[in-house]
PDB file of N, CA and C in Angstrom:
ATOM      1  N   MET A   1      52.432 235.573  91.721  1.00  0.00           N
ATOM      2  CA  MET A   1      52.817 236.547  90.722  1.00  0.00           C
ATOM      3  C   MET A   1      53.845 235.904  89.793  1.00  0.00           C
ATOM      4  N   LYS A   2      53.628 236.074  88.507  1.00  0.00           N
ATOM      5  CA  LYS A   2      54.565 235.573  87.510  1.00  0.00           C
ATOM      6  C   LYS A   2      55.320 236.750  86.892  1.00  0.00           C
ATOM      7  N   VAL A   3      56.583 236.496  86.551  1.00  0.00           N
ATOM      8  CA  VAL A   3      57.409 237.493  85.872  1.00  0.00           C
ATOM      9  C   VAL A   3      58.140 236.812  84.725  1.00  0.00           C
ATOM     10  N   HIS A   4      58.484 237.598  83.725  1.00  0.00           N
ATOM     11  CA  HIS A   4      59.318 237.123  82.623  1.00  0.00           C
ATOM     12  C   HIS A   4      60.730 237.596  82.908  1.00  0.00           C
ATOM     13  N   VAL A   5      61.694 236.670  82.886  1.00  0.00           N
ATOM     14  CA  VAL A   5      63.064 236.980  83.267  1.00  0.00           C
ATOM     15  C   VAL A   5      64.028 236.628  82.142  1.00  0.00           C
ATOM     16  N   LEU A   6      64.950 237.541  81.871  1.00  0.00           N
ATOM     17  CA  LEU A   6      66.084 237.297  80.988  1.00  0.00           C
ATOM     18  C   LEU A   6      67.274 237.122  81.917  1.00  0.00           C
ATOM     19  N   TYR A   7      68.002 236.007  81.779  1.00  0.00           N
ATOM     20  CA  TYR A   7      69.088 235.699  82.711  1.00  0.00           C
ATOM     21  C   TYR A   7      70.243 235.007  82.004  1.00  0.00           C
ATOM     22  N   ASP A   8      71.420 235.033  82.663  1.00  0.00           N
ATOM     23  CA  ASP A   8      72.587 234.408  82.046  1.00  0.00           C
ATOM     24  C   ASP A   8      72.749 232.969  82.528  1.00  0.00           C
ATOM     25  N   LYS A   9      73.799 232.302  82.062  1.00  0.00           N
ATOM     26  CA  LYS A   9      73.960 230.876  82.374  1.00  0.00           C
ATOM     27  C   LYS A   9      74.289 230.603  83.836  1.00  0.00           C
ATOM     28  N   GLN A  10      74.689 231.632  84.599  1.00  0.00           N
ATOM     29  CA  GLN A  10      74.904 231.478  86.034  1.00  0.00           C
ATOM     30  C   GLN A  10      73.648 231.795  86.850  1.00  0.00           C
ATOM     31  N   GLY A  11      72.586 232.272  86.199  1.00  0.00           N
ATOM     32  CA  GLY A  11      71.338 232.595  86.881  1.00  0.00           C
ATOM     33  C   GLY A  11      71.201 234.062  87.253  1.00  0.00           C
ATOM     34  N   LYS A  12      72.178 234.892  86.851  1.00  0.00           N
ATOM     35  CA  LYS A  12      72.097 236.327  87.141  1.00  0.00           C
ATOM     36  C   LYS A  12      71.004 236.959  86.287  1.00  0.00           C
ATOM     37  N   ILE A  13      70.124 237.710  86.937  1.00  0.00           N
ATOM     38  CA  ILE A  13      69.009 238.350  86.237  1.00  0.00           C
ATOM     39  C   ILE A  13      69.505 239.562  85.468  1.00  0.00           C
ATOM     40  N   ILE A  14      69.156 239.612  84.190  1.00  0.00           N
ATOM     41  CA  ILE A  14      69.517 240.735  83.324  1.00  0.00           C
ATOM     42  C   ILE A  14      68.348 241.709  83.218  1.00  0.00           C
ATOM     43  N   SER A  15      67.133 241.179  83.080  1.00  0.00           N
ATOM     44  CA  SER A  15      65.947 242.038  83.052  1.00  0.00           C
ATOM     45  C   SER A  15      64.733 241.251  83.525  1.00  0.00           C
ATOM     46  N   VAL A  16      63.738 242.007  84.011  1.00  0.00           N
ATOM     47  CA  VAL A  16      62.499 241.421  84.519  1.00  0.00           C
ATOM     48  C   VAL A  16      61.325 242.183  83.920  1.00  0.00           C
ATOM     49  N   GLY A  17      60.312 241.462  83.494  1.00  0.00           N
ATOM     50  CA  GLY A  17      59.090 242.080  82.994  1.00  0.00           C
ATOM     51  C   GLY A  17      57.886 241.412  83.621  1.00  0.00           C
ATOM     52  N   VAL A  18      56.796 242.125  83.650  1.00  0.00           N
ATOM     53  CA  VAL A  18      55.548 241.585  84.201  1.00  0.00           C
ATOM     54  C   VAL A  18      54.511 241.497  83.095  1.00  0.00           C
ATOM     55  N   PRO A  19      53.548 240.573  83.227  1.00  0.00           N
ATOM     56  CA  PRO A  19      52.480 240.493  82.232  1.00  0.00           C
ATOM     57  C   PRO A  19      51.677 241.790  82.215  1.00  0.00           C
ATOM     58  N   LEU A  20      51.232 242.180  81.049  1.00  0.00           N
ATOM     59  CA  LEU A  20      50.390 243.371  80.932  1.00  0.00           C
ATOM     60  C   LEU A  20      48.970 243.026  81.348  1.00  0.00           C
ATOM     61  N   PRO A  21      48.275 243.970  81.971  1.00  0.00           N
ATOM     62  CA  PRO A  21      46.891 243.691  82.373  1.00  0.00           C
ATOM     63  C   PRO A  21      46.001 243.502  81.143  1.00  0.00           C
ATOM     64  N   PRO A  22      44.924 242.733  81.289  1.00  0.00           N
ATOM     65  CA  PRO A  22      44.025 242.490  80.152  1.00  0.00           C
ATOM     66  C   PRO A  22      43.471 243.778  79.547  1.00  0.00           C
ATOM     67  N   SER A  23      43.391 244.838  80.332  1.00  0.00           N
ATOM     68  CA  SER A  23      42.837 246.094  79.830  1.00  0.00           C
ATOM     69  C   SER A  23      43.855 246.922  79.043  1.00  0.00           C
ATOM     70  N   TYR A  24      45.098 246.446  78.914  1.00  0.00           N
ATOM     71  CA  TYR A  24      46.139 247.209  78.223  1.00  0.00           C
ATOM     72  C   TYR A  24      45.769 247.410  76.754  1.00  0.00           C
ATOM     73  N   ASP A  25      45.990 248.609  76.255  1.00  0.00           N
ATOM     74  CA  ASP A  25      45.682 248.955  74.867  1.00  0.00           C
ATOM     75  C   ASP A  25      46.892 248.624  73.993  1.00  0.00           C
ATOM     76  N   PHE A  26      46.758 247.669  73.091  1.00  0.00           N
ATOM     77  CA  PHE A  26      47.865 247.193  72.265  1.00  0.00           C
ATOM     78  C   PHE A  26      48.009 247.932  70.936  1.00  0.00           C
ATOM     79  N   ARG A  27      47.544 249.134  70.829  1.00  0.00           N
ATOM     80  CA  ARG A  27      47.637 249.869  69.558  1.00  0.00           C
ATOM     81  C   ARG A  27      49.064 250.315  69.247  1.00  0.00           C
ATOM     82  N   GLY A  28      49.877 250.490  70.270  1.00  0.00           N
ATOM     83  CA  GLY A  28      51.253 250.938  70.063  1.00  0.00           C
ATOM     84  C   GLY A  28      52.176 249.764  69.792  1.00  0.00           C
ATOM     85  N   PRO A  29      53.473 250.038  69.672  1.00  0.00           N
ATOM     86  CA  PRO A  29      54.424 248.945  69.426  1.00  0.00           C
ATOM     87  C   PRO A  29      54.538 248.020  70.632  1.00  0.00           C
ATOM     88  N   ALA A  30      54.800 246.771  70.362  1.00  0.00           N
ATOM     89  CA  ALA A  30      55.000 245.790  71.435  1.00  0.00           C
ATOM     90  C   ALA A  30      56.493 245.503  71.543  1.00  0.00           C
ATOM     91  N   PHE A  31      56.998 245.427  72.754  1.00  0.00           N
ATOM     92  CA  PHE A  31      58.405 245.153  72.982  1.00  0.00           C
ATOM     93  C   PHE A  31      58.542 243.846  73.741  1.00  0.00           C
ATOM     94  N   GLY A  32      59.687 243.209  73.617  1.00  0.00           N
ATOM     95  CA  GLY A  32      59.945 241.964  74.322  1.00  0.00           C
ATOM     96  C   GLY A  32      61.435 241.782  74.491  1.00  0.00           C
ATOM     97  N   THR A  33      61.817 240.629  74.998  1.00  0.00           N
ATOM     98  CA  THR A  33      63.231 240.333  75.155  1.00  0.00           C
ATOM     99  C   THR A  33      63.618 239.220  74.204  1.00  0.00           C
ATOM    100  N   GLN A  34      64.859 239.239  73.818  1.00  0.00           N
ATOM    101  CA  GLN A  34      65.389 238.167  72.989  1.00  0.00           C
ATOM    102  C   GLN A  34      66.702 237.732  73.623  1.00  0.00           C
ATOM    103  N   ALA A  35      66.776 236.472  74.002  1.00  0.00           N
ATOM    104  CA  ALA A  35      67.985 235.967  74.650  1.00  0.00           C
ATOM    105  C   ALA A  35      69.125 235.919  73.648  1.00  0.00           C
ATOM    106  N   GLY A  36      70.258 236.474  74.054  1.00  0.00           N
ATOM    107  CA  GLY A  36      71.461 236.425  73.237  1.00  0.00           C
ATOM    108  C   GLY A  36      72.279 235.184  73.572  1.00  0.00           C
ATOM    109  N   GLU A  37      73.476 235.116  73.045  1.00  0.00           N
ATOM    110  CA  GLU A  37      74.357 233.981  73.299  1.00  0.00           C
ATOM    111  C   GLU A  37      74.651 233.878  74.802  1.00  0.00           C
ATOM    112  N   GLY A  38      74.470 232.694  75.354  1.00  0.00           N
ATOM    113  CA  GLY A  38      74.715 232.472  76.777  1.00  0.00           C
ATOM    114  C   GLY A  38      73.613 232.979  77.687  1.00  0.00           C
ATOM    115  N   GLN A  39      72.495 233.405  77.116  1.00  0.00           N
ATOM    116  CA  GLN A  39      71.375 233.906  77.903  1.00  0.00           C
ATOM    117  C   GLN A  39      70.154 233.012  77.709  1.00  0.00           C
ATOM    118  N   HIS A  40      69.241 233.105  78.663  1.00  0.00           N
ATOM    119  CA  HIS A  40      67.987 232.347  78.622  1.00  0.00           C
ATOM    120  C   HIS A  40      66.863 233.269  79.060  1.00  0.00           C
ATOM    121  N   SER A  41      65.641 232.895  78.746  1.00  0.00           N
ATOM    122  CA  SER A  41      64.495 233.644  79.242  1.00  0.00           C
ATOM    123  C   SER A  41      63.383 232.667  79.579  1.00  0.00           C
ATOM    124  N   GLY A  42      62.521 233.095  80.477  1.00  0.00           N
ATOM    125  CA  GLY A  42      61.409 232.246  80.864  1.00  0.00           C
ATOM    126  C   GLY A  42      60.481 232.953  81.826  1.00  0.00           C
ATOM    127  N   GLU A  43      59.320 232.358  82.036  1.00  0.00           N
ATOM    128  CA  GLU A  43      58.352 232.873  83.001  1.00  0.00           C
ATOM    129  C   GLU A  43      58.476 232.077  84.286  1.00  0.00           C
ATOM    130  N   PHE A  44      58.504 232.805  85.400  1.00  0.00           N
ATOM    131  CA  PHE A  44      58.705 232.174  86.695  1.00  0.00           C
ATOM    132  C   PHE A  44      57.729 232.730  87.720  1.00  0.00           C
ATOM    133  N   ASP A  45      57.406 231.893  88.705  1.00  0.00           N
ATOM    134  CA  ASP A  45      56.650 232.349  89.865  1.00  0.00           C
ATOM    135  C   ASP A  45      57.626 233.048  90.802  1.00  0.00           C
ATOM    136  N   VAL A  46      57.217 234.201  91.340  1.00  0.00           N
ATOM    137  CA  VAL A  46      58.032 234.923  92.311  1.00  0.00           C
ATOM    138  C   VAL A  46      57.865 234.238  93.666  1.00  0.00           C
ATOM    139  N   PRO A  47      58.986 233.952  94.362  1.00  0.00           N
ATOM    140  CA  PRO A  47      58.858 233.353  95.694  1.00  0.00           C
ATOM    141  C   PRO A  47      57.966 234.221  96.594  1.00  0.00           C
ATOM    142  N   GLU A  48      57.152 233.578  97.402  1.00  0.00           N
ATOM    143  CA  GLU A  48      56.170 234.266  98.238  1.00  0.00           C
ATOM    144  C   GLU A  48      56.772 235.409  99.050  1.00  0.00           C
ATOM    145  N   GLU A  49      57.972 235.205  99.597  1.00  0.00           N
ATOM    146  CA  GLU A  49      58.571 236.240 100.444  1.00  0.00           C
ATOM    147  C   GLU A  49      58.972 237.495  99.666  1.00  0.00           C
ATOM    148  N   HIS A  50      58.946 237.435  98.345  1.00  0.00           N
ATOM    149  CA  HIS A  50      59.292 238.597  97.521  1.00  0.00           C
ATOM    150  C   HIS A  50      58.108 239.116  96.704  1.00  0.00           C
ATOM    151  N   ALA A  51      56.931 238.574  96.933  1.00  0.00           N
ATOM    152  CA  ALA A  51      55.760 238.937  96.138  1.00  0.00           C
ATOM    153  C   ALA A  51      55.416 240.421  96.234  1.00  0.00           C
ATOM    154  N   GLN A  52      55.738 241.061  97.346  1.00  0.00           N
ATOM    155  CA  GLN A  52      55.422 242.478  97.523  1.00  0.00           C
ATOM    156  C   GLN A  52      56.604 243.385  97.191  1.00  0.00           C
ATOM    157  N   SER A  53      57.713 242.811  96.751  1.00  0.00           N
ATOM    158  CA  SER A  53      58.897 243.614  96.421  1.00  0.00           C
ATOM    159  C   SER A  53      58.645 244.451  95.179  1.00  0.00           C
ATOM    160  N   ASN A  54      59.368 245.538  95.101  1.00  0.00           N
ATOM    161  CA  ASN A  54      59.339 246.403  93.935  1.00  0.00           C
ATOM    162  C   ASN A  54      60.027 245.676  92.781  1.00  0.00           C
ATOM    163  N   LEU A  55      59.492 245.778  91.592  1.00  0.00           N
ATOM    164  CA  LEU A  55      60.053 245.112  90.420  1.00  0.00           C
ATOM    165  C   LEU A  55      61.528 245.456  90.229  1.00  0.00           C
ATOM    166  N   ALA A  56      61.907 246.687  90.511  1.00  0.00           N
ATOM    167  CA  ALA A  56      63.292 247.116  90.347  1.00  0.00           C
ATOM    168  C   ALA A  56      64.229 246.411  91.333  1.00  0.00           C
ATOM    169  N   GLN A  57      63.708 245.862  92.414  1.00  0.00           N
ATOM    170  CA  GLN A  57      64.526 245.184  93.424  1.00  0.00           C
ATOM    171  C   GLN A  57      64.751 243.709  93.118  1.00  0.00           C
ATOM    172  N   PHE A  58      64.012 243.147  92.182  1.00  0.00           N
ATOM    173  CA  PHE A  58      64.102 241.711  91.930  1.00  0.00           C
ATOM    174  C   PHE A  58      65.518 241.265  91.571  1.00  0.00           C
ATOM    175  N   ALA A  59      66.214 242.001  90.741  1.00  0.00           N
ATOM    176  CA  ALA A  59      67.559 241.589  90.332  1.00  0.00           C
ATOM    177  C   ALA A  59      68.527 241.592  91.506  1.00  0.00           C
ATOM    178  N   ASP A  60      68.287 242.450  92.501  1.00  0.00           N
ATOM    179  CA  ASP A  60      69.147 242.492  93.683  1.00  0.00           C
ATOM    180  C   ASP A  60      68.814 241.376  94.677  1.00  0.00           C
ATOM    181  N   LYS A  61      67.565 240.973  94.724  1.00  0.00           N
ATOM    182  CA  LYS A  61      67.119 240.019  95.741  1.00  0.00           C
ATOM    183  C   LYS A  61      66.992 238.577  95.239  1.00  0.00           C
ATOM    184  N   LEU A  62      66.875 238.409  93.926  1.00  0.00           N
ATOM    185  CA  LEU A  62      66.587 237.083  93.371  1.00  0.00           C
ATOM    186  C   LEU A  62      67.628 236.660  92.344  1.00  0.00           C
ATOM    187  N   LYS A  63      67.637 235.371  92.063  1.00  0.00           N
ATOM    188  CA  LYS A  63      68.438 234.799  90.982  1.00  0.00           C
ATOM    189  C   LYS A  63      67.662 233.608  90.437  1.00  0.00           C
ATOM    190  N   VAL A  64      68.090 233.097  89.316  1.00  0.00           N
ATOM    191  CA  VAL A  64      67.471 231.904  88.753  1.00  0.00           C
ATOM    192  C   VAL A  64      68.346 230.711  89.115  1.00  0.00           C
ATOM    193  N   ASP A  65      67.739 229.719  89.746  1.00  0.00           N
ATOM    194  CA  ASP A  65      68.444 228.476  90.056  1.00  0.00           C
ATOM    195  C   ASP A  65      68.505 227.683  88.756  1.00  0.00           C
ATOM    196  N   VAL A  66      69.697 227.544  88.214  1.00  0.00           N
ATOM    197  CA  VAL A  66      69.861 226.900  86.908  1.00  0.00           C
ATOM    198  C   VAL A  66      70.276 225.434  87.020  1.00  0.00           C
ATOM    199  N   GLN A  67      70.241 224.895  88.223  1.00  0.00           N
ATOM    200  CA  GLN A  67      70.571 223.484  88.421  1.00  0.00           C
ATOM    201  C   GLN A  67      69.392 222.625  87.969  1.00  0.00           C
ATOM    202  N   GLY A  68      69.672 221.565  87.280  1.00  0.00           N
ATOM    203  CA  GLY A  68      68.624 220.653  86.835  1.00  0.00           C
ATOM    204  C   GLY A  68      67.888 221.172  85.607  1.00  0.00           C
ATOM    205  N   ARG A  69      66.866 220.436  85.210  1.00  0.00           N
ATOM    206  CA  ARG A  69      66.119 220.769  83.991  1.00  0.00           C
ATOM    207  C   ARG A  69      65.160 221.932  84.179  1.00  0.00           C
ATOM    208  N   ALA A  70      64.534 222.003  85.337  1.00  0.00           N
ATOM    209  CA  ALA A  70      63.522 223.035  85.581  1.00  0.00           C
ATOM    210  C   ALA A  70      64.142 224.197  86.348  1.00  0.00           C
ATOM    211  N   HIS A  71      64.460 225.262  85.645  1.00  0.00           N
ATOM    212  CA  HIS A  71      65.002 226.451  86.303  1.00  0.00           C
ATOM    213  C   HIS A  71      63.896 227.109  87.113  1.00  0.00           C
ATOM    214  N   LYS A  72      64.280 227.772  88.233  1.00  0.00           N
ATOM    215  CA  LYS A  72      63.276 228.448  89.053  1.00  0.00           C
ATOM    216  C   LYS A  72      63.886 229.691  89.681  1.00  0.00           C
ATOM    217  N   LEU A  73      63.028 230.628  90.027  1.00  0.00           N
ATOM    218  CA  LEU A  73      63.419 231.885  90.651  1.00  0.00           C
ATOM    219  C   LEU A  73      63.522 231.654  92.160  1.00  0.00           C
ATOM    220  N   VAL A  74      64.687 232.038  92.735  1.00  0.00           N
ATOM    221  CA  VAL A  74      64.931 231.806  94.157  1.00  0.00           C
ATOM    222  C   VAL A  74      65.578 233.045  94.784  1.00  0.00           C
ATOM    223  N   SER A  75      65.555 233.122  96.111  1.00  0.00           N
ATOM    224  CA  SER A  75      66.251 234.191  96.831  1.00  0.00           C
ATOM    225  C   SER A  75      67.755 233.988  96.698  1.00  0.00           C
ATOM    226  N   LYS A  76      68.489 235.118  96.712  1.00  0.00           N
ATOM    227  CA  LYS A  76      69.963 235.025  96.668  1.00  0.00           C
ATOM    228  C   LYS A  76      70.480 234.554  98.000  1.00  0.00           C
TER     229      LYS A  76
END
């Protein structure tokens, strides 16, 4: 499962979004995230042990590992 994450420079998750299904009707407005100063965004694979978690729980259970060039989503 992939998610789109907005996070700060320490890896704290600010918001999480999921890809829309192919059958989604795009006639209405489209919304997205825009990283502000000191923030980043990216698409990440959810760690297997959290794949069944509720989307609302991701910020409590996960963080972005910001060490190195390739940031990744990890358990807290």
